[in-house]
Amino acid sequence: MAKYPRVREQHIAVFGESGSGKTVLVSSFFGPTQEGSYKNDLWDLVADDTGQGVRLYQNYLGMRDRSTAPMQTRFKATTYYFSVKLKGGDNDAAKKRPFDVLRLAWHDYPGEWFEAEPSSSEEHNRRTDNFRSLLRSDVALLLVDGQKLLDYRGEEERYLASLMANFRQGLLRLKDDLLKDGPIIEFPRVWILALSKADLFPDWDVDTFRDLVILKAAEDVERLRSTVAGFIETPAALSIGEDFMLLSSAKFELKSNGPQTLDIDLTQRVGLDLVLPVASLLPLERRVQWHERFDIPRKVLDSLADGAELLAAGLAGGKFAPVDKFLARMAKVDRGGKVAAMAVPILAKAVQLAGPELKKMNEQARAQHDYLRATLTQFKRDLEQGVIDKVIRNPK
């Protein structure tokens, strides 16, 4: 008998220097889903740690009702666990779905640890241990602070070079400890350069941001990519400097009259609704692309987009046979590689879903109360719309 609820866990690592807006981002990601007026016909979002959820919602309410930004967290690595709990737990579709809960582990790594040497061996060990907790992440967001770009207007290369160098040095300080047993198999493989505080650039789209980074810091990004490649087995399966994204928790403005106080409009968010789709489906898409382009060892392929088969089966539903047989065989020991061989066409078909076909599948899933397929197809539609709106850019 399977244990219920069945959970599929996805991990995302968020890196940013101190003051880059990481706490505001996670608060604005979670906060709106807790308002009484929030409506979602497919799933509910809950914080697995009640205390964390209360603090994040308190941060959000402080911005909403008092126009007060949350205090920065310093020198503290935090992992937030959020569960997307699907509705329709008692219907026929729910009994057939491969999992019931999509859990997001959001790893928030302190920016100060990339900006300064550890003050003691104890702190060095703590940094290493905390970094190891990130290694299950398939996706990493590397935040480029919009305020810093404004501060260095006309000389953006100075800030971007410093940012990339700090992250390179931070990684290199941990390299010997992390590679004691050789190159790492499981490691973040998709690194998205994300412009935080994108509200400071109302006229920019993701192409504007990408062009600035390439023009001003292409060599610095490549040096970061080479550093990360030195950590992992099969470095060809790595994307850094190819994926870009805009992120804004709200629109922050100084009030024009009276003392200098903030006016925070939380309805004007950018990119945060793409975090769940990015964490769950982008690794699946990249795994298919890399499998087609490179000869990737089986052990590395299995670590890429961990759980991709379950996500693909949930996304495709009954449209592509043999999903049921495939899931049954996944439960058994795969000695001959037959499960992997079956997985490839299912993954590829799921990734290829797009446009009118994807919209039709989403509508059918909703009509049939298949909440998992409806959620995953909606995530994929959201990613499509994010590309159309030029909020996110992925390699072709």
Foldseek 3Di string as FASTA:
>chain_A
DDDPQFEAEFEEEEEEAFPLCPLLLVLLLQQVLPDPPDDDPWWHKDWPDVVVSVVSNVQVCCCVPVVDHDDTDAPDKDKTKMKTATPDCPDPLNVPAPHGIYIYIYIYGYNVLLVDPDPDVVSLVVNLVSVVVRLLHQEYEYEDRPVVCVVCPVNSLVVVLVSLVSVLVSCVSNQCVLQVPHADLRGHAHYEYEYEPCLVPVPDFQVVVLVCCCVRPVVSQVVSLVSVLRRHDPSVSHDTSFKYFYWYQFRWDFDPDDPGGIRTGRVDTADSVLPVLCRQPVQLLSLLVCVVVDDDDPSSSCSGNPCSLSLLCLQCPPVDPPNVVLVVCVVDDDPPCPSVVVSNVSSVVSSPDDDPNLVVQLVVCVVVVNSSNVVNSVSVVVVVVCVVRRRMGGHD
